[in-house]
């Protein structure tokens, strides 16, 4: 069935951008999977949150698409008597928004660093990350959400993609 093969071109552009800037992720999903194999972690999930389109002129539309970028990591290896769970959380912080000591600048290979430092995602089609809207990261721990008997921690970065298009 042809519908099963659809791959959103905007999510793909972001996936290609991220994949070209870091090798931190074993797999990038476009759309939120129900289950992720532990061998595929850390994984990145790109999913649309919502889309708004408004009339810009009598021939142009302005598109704003909120996208969530979720990083899922496995914390089982970080939990033991001699390893506090904080190590796994710190790994997630580094993947999401790792910062350089002394300057607080985002590491160029962190997810937020990639997004903030590569605003023009597809200049030929006017696709860019809208920096006038806040980029927000939420963190949380899940049990059994991605795979039975698994403990994972997740960080979700929400951004807005923006482009103007002739109708």
N, C-alpha and C. Protein backbone atom coordinates (compact mmCIF):
# COMPACT_ATOMS: atom_id res chain seq x y z
N UNK A 1 0.84 -1.18 0.00
CA UNK A 1 0.00 0.00 0.00
C UNK A 1 0.89 1.25 0.00
N UNK A 2 0.68 2.16 -0.89
CA UNK A 2 1.54 3.33 -1.06
C UNK A 2 1.55 4.25 0.15
N UNK A 3 0.43 4.36 0.88
CA UNK A 3 0.36 5.24 2.04
C UNK A 3 1.37 4.86 3.12
N UNK A 4 1.68 3.57 3.22
CA UNK A 4 2.63 3.11 4.24
C UNK A 4 4.04 3.62 3.96
N UNK A 5 4.32 4.02 2.73
CA UNK A 5 5.65 4.44 2.35
C UNK A 5 5.88 5.93 2.53
N UNK A 6 4.83 6.68 2.87
CA UNK A 6 4.97 8.13 2.98
C UNK A 6 5.98 8.49 4.06
N UNK A 7 6.89 9.38 3.71
CA UNK A 7 7.86 9.90 4.66
C UNK A 7 7.79 11.42 4.57
N UNK A 8 7.39 12.06 5.65
CA UNK A 8 7.20 13.50 5.62
C UNK A 8 8.51 14.19 5.23
N UNK A 9 8.50 15.01 4.18
CA UNK A 9 9.75 15.63 3.71
C UNK A 9 10.34 16.65 4.68
N UNK A 10 9.52 17.28 5.51
CA UNK A 10 10.03 18.25 6.48
C UNK A 10 10.75 17.51 7.61
N UNK A 11 10.12 16.46 8.14
CA UNK A 11 10.80 15.66 9.17
C UNK A 11 12.08 15.05 8.62
N UNK A 12 12.04 14.62 7.37
CA UNK A 12 13.23 14.03 6.75
C UNK A 12 14.37 15.05 6.66
N UNK A 13 14.06 16.29 6.32
CA UNK A 13 15.10 17.33 6.26
C UNK A 13 15.77 17.51 7.62
N UNK A 14 14.95 17.53 8.68
CA UNK A 14 15.52 17.66 10.03
C UNK A 14 16.34 16.42 10.40
N UNK A 15 15.84 15.24 10.05
CA UNK A 15 16.58 14.00 10.33
C UNK A 15 17.91 14.00 9.60
N UNK A 16 17.91 14.42 8.34
CA UNK A 16 19.16 14.47 7.56
C UNK A 16 20.13 15.49 8.16
N UNK A 17 19.62 16.63 8.60
CA UNK A 17 20.46 17.64 9.23
C UNK A 17 21.14 17.06 10.48
N UNK A 18 20.35 16.46 11.35
CA UNK A 18 20.88 15.92 12.61
C UNK A 18 21.85 14.78 12.34
N UNK A 19 21.47 13.89 11.44
CA UNK A 19 22.32 12.74 11.10
C UNK A 19 23.66 13.19 10.51
N UNK A 20 23.66 14.31 9.81
CA UNK A 20 24.89 14.84 9.23
C UNK A 20 25.79 15.54 10.23
N UNK A 21 25.27 15.88 11.40
CA UNK A 21 26.05 16.63 12.40
C UNK A 21 26.48 15.80 13.61
N UNK A 22 25.87 14.63 13.81
CA UNK A 22 26.22 13.81 14.98
C UNK A 22 25.98 12.33 14.68
N UNK A 23 26.74 11.49 15.36
CA UNK A 23 26.53 10.04 15.28
C UNK A 23 26.06 9.52 16.64
N UNK A 24 25.48 10.39 17.45
CA UNK A 24 25.04 10.02 18.79
C UNK A 24 23.86 9.06 18.82
N UNK A 25 23.10 8.97 17.73
CA UNK A 25 21.86 8.19 17.74
C UNK A 25 22.00 6.94 16.88
N UNK A 26 21.61 5.81 17.46
CA UNK A 26 21.69 4.55 16.72
C UNK A 26 20.56 4.46 15.70
N UNK A 27 19.45 5.12 15.96
CA UNK A 27 18.34 5.09 15.01
C UNK A 27 17.54 6.38 15.14
N UNK A 28 17.07 6.88 13.99
CA UNK A 28 16.18 8.04 13.97
C UNK A 28 14.85 7.58 13.41
N UNK A 29 13.80 7.80 14.20
CA UNK A 29 12.43 7.45 13.79
C UNK A 29 11.71 8.72 13.36
N UNK A 30 10.89 8.61 12.34
CA UNK A 30 10.00 9.70 11.95
C UNK A 30 8.59 9.26 12.26
N UNK A 31 8.06 9.77 13.34
CA UNK A 31 6.80 9.31 13.91
C UNK A 31 7.13 8.52 15.16
N UNK A 32 6.27 8.62 16.17
CA UNK A 32 6.53 8.03 17.48
C UNK A 32 6.24 6.53 17.47
N UNK A 33 7.28 5.69 17.60
CA UNK A 33 7.05 4.25 17.63
C UNK A 33 6.49 3.80 18.98
N UNK A 34 5.74 2.73 18.97
CA UNK A 34 5.21 2.19 20.23
C UNK A 34 6.33 1.54 21.02
N UNK A 35 7.15 0.76 20.34
CA UNK A 35 8.25 0.06 21.01
C UNK A 35 9.56 0.34 20.28
N UNK A 36 10.63 0.41 21.06
CA UNK A 36 11.98 0.58 20.52
C UNK A 36 12.86 -0.50 21.14
N UNK A 37 13.61 -1.20 20.31
CA UNK A 37 14.53 -2.21 20.82
C UNK A 37 15.66 -1.57 21.60
N UNK A 38 16.09 -2.21 22.65
CA UNK A 38 17.17 -1.67 23.48
C UNK A 38 18.45 -1.51 22.67
N UNK A 39 18.64 -2.35 21.65
CA UNK A 39 19.85 -2.24 20.83
C UNK A 39 19.83 -0.99 19.95
N UNK A 40 18.69 -0.31 19.85
CA UNK A 40 18.56 0.90 19.03
C UNK A 40 18.67 2.19 19.84
N UNK A 41 19.05 2.06 21.11
CA UNK A 41 19.16 3.25 21.96
C UNK A 41 20.61 3.69 22.08
N UNK A 42 20.88 4.96 22.16
CA UNK A 42 19.92 6.05 22.18
C UNK A 42 19.29 6.26 20.80
N UNK A 43 18.01 6.55 20.83
CA UNK A 43 17.26 6.78 19.60
C UNK A 43 16.70 8.20 19.61
N UNK A 44 16.42 8.70 18.42
CA UNK A 44 15.81 10.01 18.25
C UNK A 44 14.50 9.83 17.52
N UNK A 45 13.45 10.45 18.02
CA UNK A 45 12.12 10.37 17.41
C UNK A 45 11.71 11.78 16.98
N UNK A 46 11.39 11.94 15.71
CA UNK A 46 10.88 13.21 15.20
C UNK A 46 9.40 13.02 14.91
N UNK A 47 8.56 13.90 15.43
CA UNK A 47 7.12 13.80 15.23
C UNK A 47 6.51 15.19 15.17
N UNK A 48 5.49 15.32 14.37
CA UNK A 48 4.77 16.59 14.30
C UNK A 48 3.83 16.70 15.49
N UNK A 49 3.77 17.89 16.07
CA UNK A 49 2.85 18.18 17.17
C UNK A 49 1.59 18.84 16.60
N UNK A 50 1.78 19.88 15.81
CA UNK A 50 0.66 20.52 15.12
C UNK A 50 1.18 21.38 13.98
N UNK A 51 0.29 21.73 13.09
CA UNK A 51 0.63 22.56 11.93
C UNK A 51 -0.38 23.69 11.84
N UNK A 52 0.10 24.88 11.59
CA UNK A 52 -0.82 25.99 11.32
C UNK A 52 -0.40 26.64 10.01
N UNK A 53 -1.39 26.96 9.21
CA UNK A 53 -1.16 27.60 7.92
C UNK A 53 -2.06 28.82 7.87
N UNK A 54 -1.48 29.96 7.49
CA UNK A 54 -2.29 31.17 7.38
C UNK A 54 -1.95 31.89 6.09
N UNK A 55 -2.89 32.68 5.67
CA UNK A 55 -2.76 33.46 4.46
C UNK A 55 -1.76 34.58 4.71
N UNK A 56 -0.73 34.67 3.87
CA UNK A 56 0.25 35.73 3.99
C UNK A 56 -0.02 36.83 2.97
N UNK A 57 -0.40 36.43 1.79
CA UNK A 57 -0.78 37.38 0.73
C UNK A 57 -1.80 36.66 -0.15
N UNK A 58 -2.18 37.28 -1.24
CA UNK A 58 -3.18 36.63 -2.08
C UNK A 58 -2.60 35.45 -2.87
N UNK A 59 -1.29 35.20 -2.79
CA UNK A 59 -0.69 34.05 -3.47
C UNK A 59 0.21 33.20 -2.57
N UNK A 60 0.42 33.61 -1.31
CA UNK A 60 1.35 32.90 -0.43
C UNK A 60 0.68 32.47 0.87
N UNK A 61 1.12 31.32 1.35
CA UNK A 61 0.73 30.82 2.66
C UNK A 61 1.96 30.76 3.56
N UNK A 62 1.75 31.01 4.84
CA UNK A 62 2.80 30.89 5.84
C UNK A 62 2.52 29.64 6.67
N UNK A 63 3.48 28.72 6.71
CA UNK A 63 3.33 27.46 7.43
C UNK A 63 4.19 27.49 8.69
N UNK A 64 3.62 27.09 9.81
CA UNK A 64 4.36 26.92 11.06
C UNK A 64 4.03 25.52 11.58
N UNK A 65 5.06 24.72 11.78
CA UNK A 65 4.88 23.33 12.17
C UNK A 65 5.67 23.09 13.45
N UNK A 66 4.96 22.76 14.53
CA UNK A 66 5.66 22.41 15.77
C UNK A 66 6.09 20.95 15.67
N UNK A 67 7.36 20.73 15.95
CA UNK A 67 7.97 19.40 15.85
C UNK A 67 8.56 19.03 17.19
N UNK A 68 8.32 17.79 17.62
CA UNK A 68 8.98 17.30 18.83
C UNK A 68 10.13 16.39 18.41
N UNK A 69 11.26 16.57 19.07
CA UNK A 69 12.44 15.74 18.86
C UNK A 69 12.73 15.07 20.20
N UNK A 70 12.44 13.79 20.28
CA UNK A 70 12.55 13.06 21.55
C UNK A 70 13.76 12.14 21.51
N UNK A 71 14.61 12.27 22.51
CA UNK A 71 15.76 11.38 22.68
C UNK A 71 15.39 10.37 23.75
N UNK A 72 15.56 9.09 23.43
CA UNK A 72 15.29 8.00 24.37
C UNK A 72 16.59 7.28 24.66
N UNK A 73 16.94 7.15 25.94
CA UNK A 73 18.14 6.43 26.33
C UNK A 73 17.78 5.36 27.35
N UNK A 74 18.59 4.35 27.42
CA UNK A 74 18.41 3.23 28.35
C UNK A 74 19.25 3.50 29.59
N UNK A 75 18.65 3.40 30.77
CA UNK A 75 19.41 3.69 31.99
C UNK A 75 19.78 2.44 32.77
N UNK A 76 19.43 1.27 32.26
CA UNK A 76 19.71 0.04 33.03
C UNK A 76 21.19 -0.10 33.38
N UNK A 77 22.08 0.24 32.44
CA UNK A 77 23.51 0.08 32.69
C UNK A 77 24.04 1.10 33.68
N UNK A 78 23.27 2.15 33.95
CA UNK A 78 23.75 3.19 34.86
C UNK A 78 23.25 2.98 36.28
N UNK A 79 22.41 1.97 36.50
CA UNK A 79 21.86 1.75 37.83
C UNK A 79 22.53 0.53 38.46
N UNK A 80 23.23 0.73 39.54
CA UNK A 80 23.81 -0.35 40.33
C UNK A 80 24.23 0.25 41.66
N UNK A 81 24.74 -0.59 42.54
CA UNK A 81 25.15 -0.10 43.85
C UNK A 81 26.28 0.93 43.75
N UNK A 82 27.18 0.75 42.79
CA UNK A 82 28.31 1.67 42.68
C UNK A 82 28.12 2.75 41.62
N UNK A 83 27.01 2.72 40.90
CA UNK A 83 26.74 3.72 39.87
C UNK A 83 25.37 4.35 40.12
N UNK A 84 25.34 5.57 40.61
CA UNK A 84 24.04 6.20 40.82
C UNK A 84 23.35 6.50 39.49
N UNK A 85 22.02 6.53 39.49
CA UNK A 85 21.26 6.75 38.28
C UNK A 85 21.55 8.10 37.64
N UNK A 86 22.08 9.00 38.41
CA UNK A 86 22.39 10.34 37.90
C UNK A 86 23.26 10.27 36.65
N UNK A 87 24.12 9.24 36.54
CA UNK A 87 24.97 9.12 35.35
C UNK A 87 24.14 9.03 34.08
N UNK A 88 23.07 8.25 34.09
CA UNK A 88 22.21 8.13 32.91
C UNK A 88 21.50 9.43 32.59
N UNK A 89 21.06 10.13 33.62
CA UNK A 89 20.40 11.41 33.42
C UNK A 89 21.38 12.41 32.82
N UNK A 90 22.61 12.41 33.31
CA UNK A 90 23.61 13.32 32.78
C UNK A 90 23.93 13.01 31.31
N UNK A 91 23.90 11.74 30.93
CA UNK A 91 24.11 11.38 29.52
C UNK A 91 22.99 11.98 28.67
N UNK A 92 21.76 11.92 29.15
CA UNK A 92 20.63 12.49 28.41
C UNK A 92 20.78 14.01 28.31
N UNK A 93 21.16 14.67 29.39
CA UNK A 93 21.38 16.12 29.35
C UNK A 93 22.43 16.46 28.29
N UNK A 94 23.51 15.66 28.23
CA UNK A 94 24.57 15.92 27.27
C UNK A 94 24.07 15.74 25.83
N UNK A 95 23.29 14.70 25.58
CA UNK A 95 22.74 14.48 24.24
C UNK A 95 21.78 15.61 23.84
N UNK A 96 20.97 16.06 24.79
CA UNK A 96 19.95 17.07 24.50
C UNK A 96 20.54 18.47 24.41
N UNK A 97 21.30 18.88 25.42
CA UNK A 97 21.76 20.27 25.50
C UNK A 97 23.12 20.38 26.18
N UNK A 98 24.03 19.48 25.82
CA UNK A 98 25.37 19.51 26.40
C UNK A 98 26.00 20.89 26.22
N UNK A 99 26.66 21.34 27.27
CA UNK A 99 27.28 22.67 27.25
C UNK A 99 28.76 22.56 27.55
N UNK A 100 29.52 23.52 27.05
CA UNK A 100 30.96 23.56 27.26
C UNK A 100 31.25 24.20 28.62
N UNK A 101 32.22 23.62 29.32
CA UNK A 101 32.62 24.17 30.62
C UNK A 101 33.14 25.59 30.46
N UNK A 102 32.79 26.43 31.41
CA UNK A 102 33.32 27.79 31.43
C UNK A 102 32.55 28.79 30.60
N UNK A 103 32.02 28.38 29.45
CA UNK A 103 31.34 29.34 28.57
C UNK A 103 29.83 29.12 28.50
N UNK A 104 29.36 27.92 28.88
CA UNK A 104 27.96 27.52 28.79
C UNK A 104 27.45 27.43 27.36
N UNK A 105 28.32 27.55 26.38
CA UNK A 105 27.90 27.43 24.98
C UNK A 105 27.46 26.00 24.72
N UNK A 106 26.44 25.86 23.88
CA UNK A 106 25.97 24.53 23.52
C UNK A 106 27.04 23.79 22.73
N UNK A 107 27.22 22.52 23.03
CA UNK A 107 28.13 21.70 22.24
C UNK A 107 27.53 21.58 20.83
N UNK A 108 28.36 21.68 19.81
CA UNK A 108 27.83 21.64 18.44
C UNK A 108 27.15 20.33 18.07
N UNK A 109 27.50 19.22 18.77
CA UNK A 109 26.88 17.93 18.47
C UNK A 109 25.66 17.62 19.34
N UNK A 110 25.34 18.51 20.30
CA UNK A 110 24.12 18.31 21.10
C UNK A 110 22.91 18.63 20.22
N UNK A 111 21.78 18.04 20.53
CA UNK A 111 20.58 18.23 19.71
C UNK A 111 20.19 19.71 19.64
N UNK A 112 20.16 20.37 20.78
CA UNK A 112 19.81 21.79 20.78
C UNK A 112 20.87 22.61 20.05
N UNK A 113 22.14 22.25 20.19
CA UNK A 113 23.21 22.94 19.47
C UNK A 113 23.06 22.81 17.96
N UNK A 114 22.72 21.62 17.50
CA UNK A 114 22.51 21.41 16.06
C UNK A 114 21.36 22.26 15.55
N UNK A 115 20.25 22.26 16.27
CA UNK A 115 19.06 23.00 15.82
C UNK A 115 19.32 24.51 15.85
N UNK A 116 19.91 25.01 16.92
CA UNK A 116 20.12 26.46 17.06
C UNK A 116 21.22 27.00 16.14
N UNK A 117 22.18 26.15 15.77
CA UNK A 117 23.29 26.61 14.94
C UNK A 117 23.10 26.34 13.45
N UNK A 118 21.99 25.72 13.09
CA UNK A 118 21.69 25.41 11.69
C UNK A 118 20.26 25.81 11.38
N UNK A 119 19.99 27.08 11.47
CA UNK A 119 18.62 27.61 11.36
C UNK A 119 18.03 27.35 9.98
N UNK A 120 18.82 27.56 8.94
CA UNK A 120 18.34 27.34 7.56
C UNK A 120 18.43 25.86 7.24
N UNK A 121 17.31 25.17 7.31
CA UNK A 121 17.29 23.72 7.11
C UNK A 121 17.26 23.37 5.62
N UNK A 122 16.47 24.11 4.85
CA UNK A 122 16.40 23.92 3.40
C UNK A 122 16.17 25.29 2.76
N UNK A 123 17.25 26.05 2.53
CA UNK A 123 17.10 27.41 2.01
C UNK A 123 16.36 27.48 0.68
N UNK A 124 16.52 26.47 -0.17
CA UNK A 124 15.86 26.47 -1.47
C UNK A 124 14.34 26.47 -1.38
N UNK A 125 13.82 25.93 -0.29
CA UNK A 125 12.38 25.89 -0.07
C UNK A 125 11.94 26.74 1.11
N UNK A 126 12.83 27.62 1.56
CA UNK A 126 12.53 28.56 2.65
C UNK A 126 12.25 27.87 3.99
N UNK A 127 12.67 26.63 4.17
CA UNK A 127 12.43 25.92 5.42
C UNK A 127 13.51 26.29 6.43
N UNK A 128 13.07 26.81 7.58
CA UNK A 128 14.00 27.20 8.63
C UNK A 128 13.37 26.93 9.99
N UNK A 129 14.21 26.90 10.99
CA UNK A 129 13.72 26.80 12.37
C UNK A 129 13.41 28.20 12.84
N UNK A 130 12.22 28.39 13.35
CA UNK A 130 11.77 29.70 13.81
C UNK A 130 12.36 29.98 15.18
N UNK A 131 13.35 30.86 15.24
CA UNK A 131 13.99 31.18 16.51
C UNK A 131 13.22 32.21 17.32
N UNK A 132 12.16 32.77 16.73
CA UNK A 132 11.35 33.72 17.50
C UNK A 132 10.39 33.00 18.45
N UNK A 133 10.19 31.70 18.25
CA UNK A 133 9.42 30.91 19.21
C UNK A 133 10.40 30.16 20.10
N UNK A 134 10.03 29.97 21.33
CA UNK A 134 10.93 29.31 22.29
C UNK A 134 11.13 27.85 21.92
N UNK A 135 12.37 27.40 22.04
CA UNK A 135 12.68 25.97 21.99
C UNK A 135 12.63 25.50 23.43
N UNK A 136 11.85 24.46 23.70
CA UNK A 136 11.64 24.01 25.08
C UNK A 136 11.98 22.53 25.18
N UNK A 137 12.71 22.16 26.25
CA UNK A 137 13.05 20.75 26.49
C UNK A 137 12.36 20.30 27.77
N UNK A 138 11.71 19.14 27.70
CA UNK A 138 11.09 18.50 28.86
C UNK A 138 11.78 17.16 29.07
N UNK A 139 12.02 16.79 30.33
CA UNK A 139 12.68 15.54 30.67
C UNK A 139 11.74 14.66 31.48
N UNK A 140 11.90 13.33 31.33
CA UNK A 140 11.09 12.41 32.12
C UNK A 140 11.65 11.01 32.07
N UNK A 141 11.20 10.19 33.01
CA UNK A 141 11.60 8.79 33.07
C UNK A 141 10.39 7.94 32.76
N UNK A 142 10.60 6.87 32.01
CA UNK A 142 9.49 5.97 31.69
C UNK A 142 9.90 4.55 32.05
N UNK A 143 8.91 3.76 32.42
CA UNK A 143 9.13 2.34 32.63
C UNK A 143 8.12 1.61 31.77
N UNK A 144 8.61 0.67 30.98
CA UNK A 144 7.79 -0.18 30.12
C UNK A 144 7.09 0.56 28.99
N UNK A 145 7.37 1.84 28.77
CA UNK A 145 6.70 2.57 27.69
C UNK A 145 7.23 2.14 26.33
N UNK A 146 8.53 2.03 26.19
CA UNK A 146 9.14 1.72 24.90
C UNK A 146 9.38 0.23 24.71
N UNK A 147 9.55 -0.52 25.80
CA UNK A 147 9.77 -1.96 25.74
C UNK A 147 9.47 -2.51 27.12
N UNK A 148 8.87 -3.70 27.16
CA UNK A 148 8.57 -4.32 28.45
C UNK A 148 9.86 -4.52 29.24
N UNK A 149 9.74 -4.34 30.54
CA UNK A 149 10.86 -4.51 31.47
C UNK A 149 12.04 -3.58 31.17
N UNK A 150 11.75 -2.42 30.62
CA UNK A 150 12.84 -1.48 30.34
C UNK A 150 12.66 -0.22 31.16
N UNK A 151 13.76 0.38 31.47
CA UNK A 151 13.78 1.67 32.12
C UNK A 151 14.46 2.62 31.15
N UNK A 152 13.77 3.64 30.77
CA UNK A 152 14.34 4.60 29.84
C UNK A 152 14.11 5.99 30.37
N UNK A 153 14.97 6.90 29.97
CA UNK A 153 14.73 8.30 30.25
C UNK A 153 14.64 9.00 28.91
N UNK A 154 13.80 10.01 28.87
CA UNK A 154 13.55 10.70 27.62
C UNK A 154 13.62 12.20 27.82
N UNK A 155 14.11 12.86 26.80
CA UNK A 155 14.08 14.31 26.73
C UNK A 155 13.38 14.69 25.44
N UNK A 156 12.48 15.66 25.52
CA UNK A 156 11.76 16.08 24.32
C UNK A 156 12.00 17.56 24.08
N UNK A 157 12.58 17.86 22.92
CA UNK A 157 12.82 19.22 22.47
C UNK A 157 11.69 19.58 21.51
N UNK A 158 11.05 20.70 21.76
CA UNK A 158 9.99 21.16 20.86
C UNK A 158 10.46 22.41 20.14
N UNK A 159 10.36 22.39 18.82
CA UNK A 159 10.77 23.51 17.98
C UNK A 159 9.64 23.84 17.01
N UNK A 160 9.78 24.96 16.32
CA UNK A 160 8.82 25.33 15.27
C UNK A 160 9.57 25.50 13.96
N UNK A 161 9.14 24.72 12.97
CA UNK A 161 9.66 24.86 11.61
C UNK A 161 8.76 25.86 10.89
N UNK A 162 9.35 26.62 9.99
CA UNK A 162 8.61 27.70 9.36
C UNK A 162 9.01 27.82 7.88
N UNK A 163 8.02 28.05 7.02
CA UNK A 163 8.32 28.36 5.62
C UNK A 163 7.14 29.07 4.99
N UNK A 164 7.42 29.82 3.95
CA UNK A 164 6.41 30.51 3.17
C UNK A 164 6.38 29.85 1.81
N UNK A 165 5.17 29.61 1.33
CA UNK A 165 5.02 28.86 0.10
C UNK A 165 3.97 29.50 -0.81
N UNK A 166 4.25 29.53 -2.10
CA UNK A 166 3.27 30.00 -3.08
C UNK A 166 2.22 28.90 -3.21
N UNK A 167 0.96 29.30 -3.19
CA UNK A 167 -0.14 28.33 -3.35
C UNK A 167 -0.19 27.78 -4.75
